[in-house]
Amino acid sequence: MFDRDVNYPCAVASYDAEGVGAAIDWCCEHMEDGDTLTVWTSLKSNLRNCSELEQLVNRHSNVEHVTGRGGGFIRGIGPVLMAWPDMADIGKLVQYGSHRMRALCVITWSEDGIRPWVTAVRPSILGDGSAWEDLTPELAPVIVEALKSLTLTINHNNTISAGFEKDTVVSSLLALHDAGIWMDGEAMQGWALANGWSGKNPEHLAKYAEDINAGKRPRCRRVLRPDYIDSLRRRAADGA
């Protein structure tokens, strides 16, 4: 009921002349008549760091520059070119703009900052792809099954830091922990972004996992069935 599919193509580009040029070309290839190409940077001044992007914005009427500091709202339908975001930035942009995005291309600054997202999404690689020869380890199948269930259960318009959504997420993570299953918070954040979670919820998910791994037990009121972990394991085995 609350599932949000990420059904637009994605790409990741290296931050060099080859990568930036390929990123622009890739976005242009995904434009249709009447589309707007949206270029995202965290701050307005960041655009000056890349002459190619600055010229792209200044010379074309169908290219719009938005900033994360200003909310990053996408006004036109079309591809989005994000320059130097982290996973939190991607989550925020997707929250408010996924229904307008025809395609998403990310130019990297710190590869490790988005490596879990790249691992989960498996985007097209543009420019120098050497940074992506080593990806993050895959999540345990039982964790993936838990995340699939949460994705279908929670209302993604709500925060998972309170109410029913918090109870649902935290109870599941505590059950995984109590069954001796270690959780990679960043990898789970990347998976969540690749599967329709947005805003701060992927961050909250990672923080809950990291806190629970460290021995903390966030409060929750939801009680799971005794066979919850066993049912996840059965589903994981069936899908193997």
C-alpha atoms as a PDB file:
ATOM      1  CA  MET A   1       0.000   0.000   0.000  1.00  0.00           C
ATOM      2  CA  PHE A   2       2.771   2.414   0.905  1.00  0.00           C
ATOM      3  CA  ASP A   3       5.431   1.111  -1.476  1.00  0.00           C
ATOM      4  CA  ARG A   4       7.288   3.664  -3.595  1.00  0.00           C
ATOM      5  CA  ASP A   5       9.163   2.238  -6.528  1.00  0.00           C
ATOM      6  CA  VAL A   6      12.313   3.927  -7.766  1.00  0.00           C
ATOM      7  CA  ASN A   7      11.416   3.543 -11.418  1.00  0.00           C
ATOM      8  CA  TYR A   8      13.684   6.144 -13.027  1.00  0.00           C
ATOM      9  CA  PRO A   9      17.154   5.374 -14.422  1.00  0.00           C
ATOM     10  CA  CYS A  10      20.150   6.355 -12.314  1.00  0.00           C
ATOM     11  CA  ALA A  11      23.804   7.056 -13.081  1.00  0.00           C
ATOM     12  CA  VAL A  12      26.918   8.013 -11.120  1.00  0.00           C
ATOM     13  CA  ALA A  13      29.746  10.034 -12.657  1.00  0.00           C
ATOM     14  CA  SER A  14      33.315  10.765 -11.635  1.00  0.00           C
ATOM     15  CA  TYR A  15      34.241  14.348 -10.831  1.00  0.00           C
ATOM     16  CA  ASP A  16      36.614  14.993 -13.715  1.00  0.00           C
ATOM     17  CA  ALA A  17      36.246  16.395 -17.211  1.00  0.00           C
ATOM     18  CA  GLU A  18      35.286  13.023 -18.665  1.00  0.00           C
ATOM     19  CA  GLY A  19      32.761  12.244 -15.938  1.00  0.00           C
ATOM     20  CA  VAL A  20      31.094  15.665 -15.876  1.00  0.00           C
ATOM     21  CA  GLY A  21      30.801  15.715 -19.665  1.00  0.00           C
ATOM     22  CA  ALA A  22      29.342  12.219 -19.682  1.00  0.00           C
ATOM     23  CA  ALA A  23      26.899  13.184 -16.914  1.00  0.00           C
ATOM     24  CA  ILE A  24      25.604  16.149 -18.896  1.00  0.00           C
ATOM     25  CA  ASP A  25      25.266  14.045 -22.043  1.00  0.00           C
ATOM     26  CA  TRP A  26      23.474  11.286 -20.120  1.00  0.00           C
ATOM     27  CA  CYS A  27      20.965  13.737 -18.663  1.00  0.00           C
ATOM     28  CA  CYS A  28      20.350  15.318 -22.071  1.00  0.00           C
ATOM     29  CA  GLU A  29      19.670  11.875 -23.527  1.00  0.00           C
ATOM     30  CA  HIS A  30      16.930  11.408 -20.919  1.00  0.00           C
ATOM     31  CA  MET A  31      15.161  14.680 -21.724  1.00  0.00           C
ATOM     32  CA  GLU A  32      11.878  14.819 -23.614  1.00  0.00           C
ATOM     33  CA  ASP A  33      10.130  17.725 -25.303  1.00  0.00           C
ATOM     34  CA  GLY A  34       9.274  20.411 -22.762  1.00  0.00           C
ATOM     35  CA  ASP A  35      11.509  18.947 -20.050  1.00  0.00           C
ATOM     36  CA  THR A  36      13.710  20.923 -17.688  1.00  0.00           C
ATOM     37  CA  LEU A  37      17.158  19.688 -16.679  1.00  0.00           C
ATOM     38  CA  THR A  38      17.589  20.434 -12.981  1.00  0.00           C
ATOM     39  CA  VAL A  39      21.135  20.891 -11.652  1.00  0.00           C
ATOM     40  CA  TRP A  40      21.408  20.477  -7.866  1.00  0.00           C
ATOM     41  CA  THR A  41      24.205  21.715  -5.618  1.00  0.00           C
ATOM     42  CA  SER A  42      24.212  22.052  -1.847  1.00  0.00           C
ATOM     43  CA  LEU A  43      24.929  25.807  -1.958  1.00  0.00           C
ATOM     44  CA  LYS A  44      24.460  28.348  -4.730  1.00  0.00           C
ATOM     45  CA  SER A  45      28.171  29.190  -4.648  1.00  0.00           C
ATOM     46  CA  ASN A  46      29.110  25.538  -5.249  1.00  0.00           C
ATOM     47  CA  LEU A  47      28.208  25.925  -8.908  1.00  0.00           C
ATOM     48  CA  ARG A  48      31.353  28.021  -9.410  1.00  0.00           C
ATOM     49  CA  ASN A  49      33.451  24.972  -8.549  1.00  0.00           C
ATOM     50  CA  CYS A  50      32.705  23.443 -11.952  1.00  0.00           C
ATOM     51  CA  SER A  51      32.841  25.620 -15.065  1.00  0.00           C
ATOM     52  CA  GLU A  52      31.037  23.014 -17.169  1.00  0.00           C
ATOM     53  CA  LEU A  53      28.005  23.002 -14.874  1.00  0.00           C
ATOM     54  CA  GLU A  54      28.065  26.774 -14.463  1.00  0.00           C
ATOM     55  CA  GLN A  55      28.019  27.242 -18.239  1.00  0.00           C
ATOM     56  CA  LEU A  56      25.280  24.644 -18.601  1.00  0.00           C
ATOM     57  CA  VAL A  57      23.042  26.583 -16.199  1.00  0.00           C
ATOM     58  CA  ASN A  58      23.847  30.053 -17.521  1.00  0.00           C
ATOM     59  CA  ARG A  59      23.566  29.311 -21.235  1.00  0.00           C
ATOM     60  CA  HIS A  60      20.385  27.244 -21.473  1.00  0.00           C
ATOM     61  CA  SER A  61      16.856  28.368 -20.676  1.00  0.00           C
ATOM     62  CA  ASN A  62      15.670  24.801 -20.046  1.00  0.00           C
ATOM     63  CA  VAL A  63      18.266  24.202 -17.325  1.00  0.00           C
ATOM     64  CA  GLU A  64      17.432  25.213 -13.767  1.00  0.00           C
ATOM     65  CA  HIS A  65      19.748  25.405 -10.751  1.00  0.00           C
ATOM     66  CA  VAL A  66      18.379  24.469  -7.321  1.00  0.00           C
ATOM     67  CA  THR A  67      20.179  24.228  -3.982  1.00  0.00           C
ATOM     68  CA  GLY A  68      19.826  21.902  -1.065  1.00  0.00           C
ATOM     69  CA  ARG A  69      20.062  24.848   1.317  1.00  0.00           C
ATOM     70  CA  GLY A  70      17.034  26.354  -0.397  1.00  0.00           C
ATOM     71  CA  GLY A  71      15.026  23.151  -0.094  1.00  0.00           C
ATOM     72  CA  GLY A  72      16.042  21.624  -3.421  1.00  0.00           C
ATOM     73  CA  PHE A  73      12.513  21.624  -4.774  1.00  0.00           C
ATOM     74  CA  ILE A  74      12.250  20.481  -8.387  1.00  0.00           C
ATOM     75  CA  ARG A  75       9.845  22.655 -10.320  1.00  0.00           C
ATOM     76  CA  GLY A  76      10.125  21.141 -13.795  1.00  0.00           C
ATOM     77  CA  ILE A  77       9.743  17.590 -15.025  1.00  0.00           C
ATOM     78  CA  GLY A  78      12.935  16.052 -16.382  1.00  0.00           C
ATOM     79  CA  PRO A  79      16.306  14.600 -15.404  1.00  0.00           C
ATOM     80  CA  VAL A  80      18.168  15.787 -12.313  1.00  0.00           C
ATOM     81  CA  LEU A  81      21.936  16.192 -12.115  1.00  0.00           C
ATOM     82  CA  MET A  82      23.126  16.239  -8.492  1.00  0.00           C
ATOM     83  CA  ALA A  83      26.635  17.543  -7.982  1.00  0.00           C
ATOM     84  CA  TRP A  84      28.501  16.278  -4.905  1.00  0.00           C
ATOM     85  CA  PRO A  85      25.637  15.075  -2.686  1.00  0.00           C
ATOM     86  CA  ASP A  86      25.720  12.595   0.160  1.00  0.00           C
ATOM     87  CA  MET A  87      23.015  10.023   0.855  1.00  0.00           C
ATOM     88  CA  ALA A  88      21.103  12.436   3.089  1.00  0.00           C
ATOM     89  CA  ASP A  89      20.951  14.939   0.224  1.00  0.00           C
ATOM     90  CA  ILE A  90      19.608  12.277  -2.137  1.00  0.00           C
ATOM     91  CA  GLY A  91      16.948  11.316   0.393  1.00  0.00           C
ATOM     92  CA  LYS A  92      15.773  14.900   0.781  1.00  0.00           C
ATOM     93  CA  LEU A  93      15.638  15.513  -2.966  1.00  0.00           C
ATOM     94  CA  VAL A  94      13.724  12.300  -3.620  1.00  0.00           C
ATOM     95  CA  GLN A  95      11.204  13.155  -0.889  1.00  0.00           C
ATOM     96  CA  TYR A  96      10.048  16.288  -2.639  1.00  0.00           C
ATOM     97  CA  GLY A  97      10.934  15.622  -6.252  1.00  0.00           C
ATOM     98  CA  SER A  98      10.735  11.937  -7.151  1.00  0.00           C
ATOM     99  CA  HIS A  99       7.408  12.416  -8.958  1.00  0.00           C
ATOM    100  CA  ARG A 100       9.097  14.945 -11.264  1.00  0.00           C
ATOM    101  CA  MET A 101      12.367  13.106 -11.877  1.00  0.00           C
ATOM    102  CA  ARG A 102      12.714  11.400 -15.228  1.00  0.00           C
ATOM    103  CA  ALA A 103      16.282  10.317 -14.406  1.00  0.00           C
ATOM    104  CA  LEU A 104      18.884  10.938 -11.702  1.00  0.00           C
ATOM    105  CA  CYS A 105      22.630  11.364 -12.208  1.00  0.00           C
ATOM    106  CA  VAL A 106      25.025  11.943  -9.296  1.00  0.00           C
ATOM    107  CA  ILE A 107      28.483  13.472  -9.661  1.00  0.00           C
ATOM    108  CA  THR A 108      30.681  12.225  -6.859  1.00  0.00           C
ATOM    109  CA  TRP A 109      32.878  14.090  -4.430  1.00  0.00           C
ATOM    110  CA  SER A 110      33.401  11.499  -1.706  1.00  0.00           C
ATOM    111  CA  GLU A 111      32.759   8.052  -3.129  1.00  0.00           C
ATOM    112  CA  ASP A 112      32.489   6.468   0.317  1.00  0.00           C
ATOM    113  CA  GLY A 113      29.675   8.870   1.193  1.00  0.00           C
ATOM    114  CA  ILE A 114      27.389   7.331  -1.432  1.00  0.00           C
ATOM    115  CA  ARG A 115      28.925   3.866  -1.829  1.00  0.00           C
ATOM    116  CA  PRO A 116      26.005   2.081  -0.097  1.00  0.00           C
ATOM    117  CA  TRP A 117      23.561   3.844  -2.440  1.00  0.00           C
ATOM    118  CA  VAL A 118      25.615   2.857  -5.501  1.00  0.00           C
ATOM    119  CA  THR A 119      25.788  -0.723  -4.211  1.00  0.00           C
ATOM    120  CA  ALA A 120      22.019  -0.911  -3.844  1.00  0.00           C
ATOM    121  CA  VAL A 121      20.999   1.010  -6.979  1.00  0.00           C
ATOM    122  CA  ARG A 122      23.674  -0.297  -9.381  1.00  0.00           C
ATOM    123  CA  PRO A 123      23.501   2.852 -11.522  1.00  0.00           C
ATOM    124  CA  SER A 124      25.166   3.351 -14.882  1.00  0.00           C
ATOM    125  CA  ILE A 125      28.843   4.248 -14.358  1.00  0.00           C
ATOM    126  CA  LEU A 126      30.047   7.339 -16.237  1.00  0.00           C
ATOM    127  CA  GLY A 127      33.637   8.513 -16.586  1.00  0.00           C
ATOM    128  CA  ASP A 128      36.283   6.906 -14.376  1.00  0.00           C
ATOM    129  CA  GLY A 129      34.621   3.911 -12.759  1.00  0.00           C
ATOM    130  CA  SER A 130      37.616   2.665 -10.763  1.00  0.00           C
ATOM    131  CA  ALA A 131      36.106   3.943  -7.506  1.00  0.00           C
ATOM    132  CA  TRP A 132      33.267   1.444  -7.859  1.00  0.00           C
ATOM    133  CA  GLU A 133      35.332  -1.703  -8.305  1.00  0.00           C
ATOM    134  CA  ASP A 134      34.794  -2.383  -4.590  1.00  0.00           C
ATOM    135  CA  LEU A 135      31.259  -1.948  -3.298  1.00  0.00           C
ATOM    136  CA  THR A 136      29.842  -2.430   0.180  1.00  0.00           C
ATOM    137  CA  PRO A 137      29.081  -6.013   1.242  1.00  0.00           C
ATOM    138  CA  GLU A 138      25.578  -7.175   0.409  1.00  0.00           C
ATOM    139  CA  LEU A 139      23.045  -7.171   3.217  1.00  0.00           C
ATOM    140  CA  ALA A 140      22.136 -10.504   4.765  1.00  0.00           C
ATOM    141  CA  PRO A 141      19.030 -11.913   3.041  1.00  0.00           C
ATOM    142  CA  VAL A 142      17.102 -11.929   6.325  1.00  0.00           C
ATOM    143  CA  ILE A 143      17.726  -8.178   6.702  1.00  0.00           C
ATOM    144  CA  VAL A 144      16.590  -7.560   3.134  1.00  0.00           C
ATOM    145  CA  GLU A 145      13.365  -9.447   3.867  1.00  0.00           C
ATOM    146  CA  ALA A 146      12.815  -7.331   6.987  1.00  0.00           C
ATOM    147  CA  LEU A 147      13.365  -4.145   4.982  1.00  0.00           C
ATOM    148  CA  LYS A 148      11.005  -5.298   2.237  1.00  0.00           C
ATOM    149  CA  SER A 149       8.318  -5.889   4.847  1.00  0.00           C
ATOM    150  CA  LEU A 150       8.904  -2.493   6.466  1.00  0.00           C
ATOM    151  CA  THR A 151       8.785  -0.792   3.063  1.00  0.00           C
ATOM    152  CA  LEU A 152       5.311  -2.205   2.469  1.00  0.00           C
ATOM    153  CA  THR A 153       4.081  -1.508   6.009  1.00  0.00           C
ATOM    154  CA  ILE A 154       5.078   2.011   6.980  1.00  0.00           C
ATOM    155  CA  ASN A 155       3.597   5.198   5.575  1.00  0.00           C
ATOM    156  CA  HIS A 156       6.514   6.886   3.811  1.00  0.00           C
ATOM    157  CA  ASN A 157       4.846  10.276   4.167  1.00  0.00           C
ATOM    158  CA  ASN A 158       5.469  10.009   7.923  1.00  0.00           C
ATOM    159  CA  THR A 159       8.717  10.114   9.862  1.00  0.00           C
ATOM    160  CA  ILE A 160       9.973   6.878  11.398  1.00  0.00           C
ATOM    161  CA  SER A 161      11.176   8.817  14.430  1.00  0.00           C
ATOM    162  CA  ALA A 162       7.744   8.732  16.080  1.00  0.00           C
ATOM    163  CA  GLY A 163       4.407   6.955  16.287  1.00  0.00           C
ATOM    164  CA  PHE A 164       3.395   3.771  14.494  1.00  0.00           C
ATOM    165  CA  GLU A 165       6.278   4.025  12.022  1.00  0.00           C
ATOM    166  CA  LYS A 166       8.891   4.183  14.792  1.00  0.00           C
ATOM    167  CA  ASP A 167       7.294   1.284  16.666  1.00  0.00           C
ATOM    168  CA  THR A 168       7.220  -0.817  13.512  1.00  0.00           C
ATOM    169  CA  VAL A 169      10.817  -0.117  12.453  1.00  0.00           C
ATOM    170  CA  VAL A 170      12.430  -0.300  15.891  1.00  0.00           C
ATOM    171  CA  SER A 171      10.652  -3.512  16.894  1.00  0.00           C
ATOM    172  CA  SER A 172      11.877  -5.185  13.710  1.00  0.00           C
ATOM    173  CA  LEU A 173      15.466  -4.030  14.211  1.00  0.00           C
ATOM    174  CA  LEU A 174      15.464  -5.094  17.849  1.00  0.00           C
ATOM    175  CA  ALA A 175      14.212  -8.534  16.825  1.00  0.00           C
ATOM    176  CA  LEU A 176      17.036  -8.854  14.294  1.00  0.00           C
ATOM    177  CA  HIS A 177      19.583  -7.791  16.898  1.00  0.00           C
ATOM    178  CA  ASP A 178      18.208 -10.169  19.527  1.00  0.00           C
ATOM    179  CA  ALA A 179      18.511 -13.001  17.009  1.00  0.00           C
ATOM    180  CA  GLY A 180      22.236 -12.274  16.741  1.00  0.00           C
ATOM    181  CA  ILE A 181      22.029 -10.605  13.317  1.00  0.00           C
ATOM    182  CA  TRP A 182      24.450  -7.693  12.877  1.00  0.00           C
ATOM    183  CA  MET A 183      23.104  -4.746  10.903  1.00  0.00           C
ATOM    184  CA  ASP A 184      25.165  -2.488   8.625  1.00  0.00           C
ATOM    185  CA  GLY A 185      23.430   0.862   9.093  1.00  0.00           C
ATOM    186  CA  GLU A 186      24.924   2.584   6.047  1.00  0.00           C
ATOM    187  CA  ALA A 187      24.181  -0.367   3.780  1.00  0.00           C
ATOM    188  CA  MET A 188      20.595  -0.362   5.049  1.00  0.00           C
ATOM    189  CA  GLN A 189      20.381   3.377   4.353  1.00  0.00           C
ATOM    190  CA  GLY A 190      21.553   2.772   0.794  1.00  0.00           C
ATOM    191  CA  TRP A 191      19.025  -0.030   0.331  1.00  0.00           C
ATOM    192  CA  ALA A 192      16.239   2.164   1.674  1.00  0.00           C
ATOM    193  CA  LEU A 193      17.096   4.987  -0.742  1.00  0.00           C
ATOM    194  CA  ALA A 194      17.128   2.522  -3.620  1.00  0.00           C
ATOM    195  CA  ASN A 195      13.704   1.219  -2.652  1.00  0.00           C
ATOM    196  CA  GLY A 196      11.617   4.331  -2.266  1.00  0.00           C
ATOM    197  CA  TRP A 197      12.443   5.601   1.225  1.00  0.00           C
ATOM    198  CA  SER A 198      13.090   9.329   1.272  1.00  0.00           C
ATOM    199  CA  GLY A 199      13.570  12.409   3.417  1.00  0.00           C
ATOM    200  CA  LYS A 200      15.359  11.670   6.691  1.00  0.00           C
ATOM    201  CA  ASN A 201      13.875   8.198   7.081  1.00  0.00           C
ATOM    202  CA  PRO A 202      16.864   6.385   5.509  1.00  0.00           C
ATOM    203  CA  GLU A 203      19.134   8.293   7.925  1.00  0.00           C
ATOM    204  CA  HIS A 204      16.904   7.437  10.873  1.00  0.00           C
ATOM    205  CA  LEU A 205      16.959   3.777   9.835  1.00  0.00           C
ATOM    206  CA  ALA A 206      20.764   3.750   9.778  1.00  0.00           C
ATOM    207  CA  LYS A 207      20.966   5.504  13.162  1.00  0.00           C
ATOM    208  CA  TYR A 208      18.549   3.050  14.783  1.00  0.00           C
ATOM    209  CA  ALA A 209      20.576   0.113  13.438  1.00  0.00           C
ATOM    210  CA  GLU A 210      23.869   1.598  14.645  1.00  0.00           C
ATOM    211  CA  ASP A 211      22.457   2.430  18.083  1.00  0.00           C
ATOM    212  CA  ILE A 212      20.956  -1.026  18.509  1.00  0.00           C
ATOM    213  CA  ASN A 213      24.222  -2.652  17.399  1.00  0.00           C
ATOM    214  CA  ALA A 214      25.912  -0.612  20.147  1.00  0.00           C
ATOM    215  CA  GLY A 215      23.538  -1.980  22.793  1.00  0.00           C
ATOM    216  CA  LYS A 216      20.927   0.769  22.942  1.00  0.00           C
ATOM    217  CA  ARG A 217      17.255  -0.178  22.937  1.00  0.00           C
ATOM    218  CA  PRO A 218      15.060   2.602  21.564  1.00  0.00           C
ATOM    219  CA  ARG A 219      11.581   2.575  23.022  1.00  0.00           C
ATOM    220  CA  CYS A 220       8.790   1.020  21.013  1.00  0.00           C
ATOM    221  CA  ARG A 221       5.321  -0.294  21.823  1.00  0.00           C
ATOM    222  CA  ARG A 222       4.892  -2.844  19.045  1.00  0.00           C
ATOM    223  CA  VAL A 223       5.053  -6.539  19.902  1.00  0.00           C
ATOM    224  CA  LEU A 224       6.055  -8.888  17.097  1.00  0.00           C
ATOM    225  CA  ARG A 225       4.967 -12.455  16.646  1.00  0.00           C
ATOM    226  CA  PRO A 226       7.313 -14.994  18.253  1.00  0.00           C
ATOM    227  CA  ASP A 227       8.067 -16.515  14.847  1.00  0.00           C
ATOM    228  CA  TYR A 228       8.885 -13.163  13.180  1.00  0.00           C
ATOM    229  CA  ILE A 229      12.577 -13.945  12.573  1.00  0.00           C
ATOM    230  CA  ASP A 230      11.793 -17.502  11.506  1.00  0.00           C
ATOM    231  CA  SER A 231       9.312 -16.186   8.936  1.00  0.00           C
ATOM    232  CA  LEU A 232      11.947 -13.796   7.576  1.00  0.00           C
ATOM    233  CA  ARG A 233      14.418 -16.650   7.290  1.00  0.00           C
ATOM    234  CA  ARG A 234      11.892 -18.801   5.449  1.00  0.00           C
ATOM    235  CA  ARG A 235      11.176 -16.020   2.961  1.00  0.00           C
ATOM    236  CA  ALA A 236      14.910 -15.441   2.489  1.00  0.00           C
ATOM    237  CA  ALA A 237      15.455 -19.148   1.835  1.00  0.00           C
ATOM    238  CA  ASP A 238      12.555 -19.274  -0.623  1.00  0.00           C
ATOM    239  CA  GLY A 239      14.030 -16.364  -2.558  1.00  0.00           C
ATOM    240  CA  ALA A 240      17.566 -17.728  -2.629  1.00  0.00           C
END
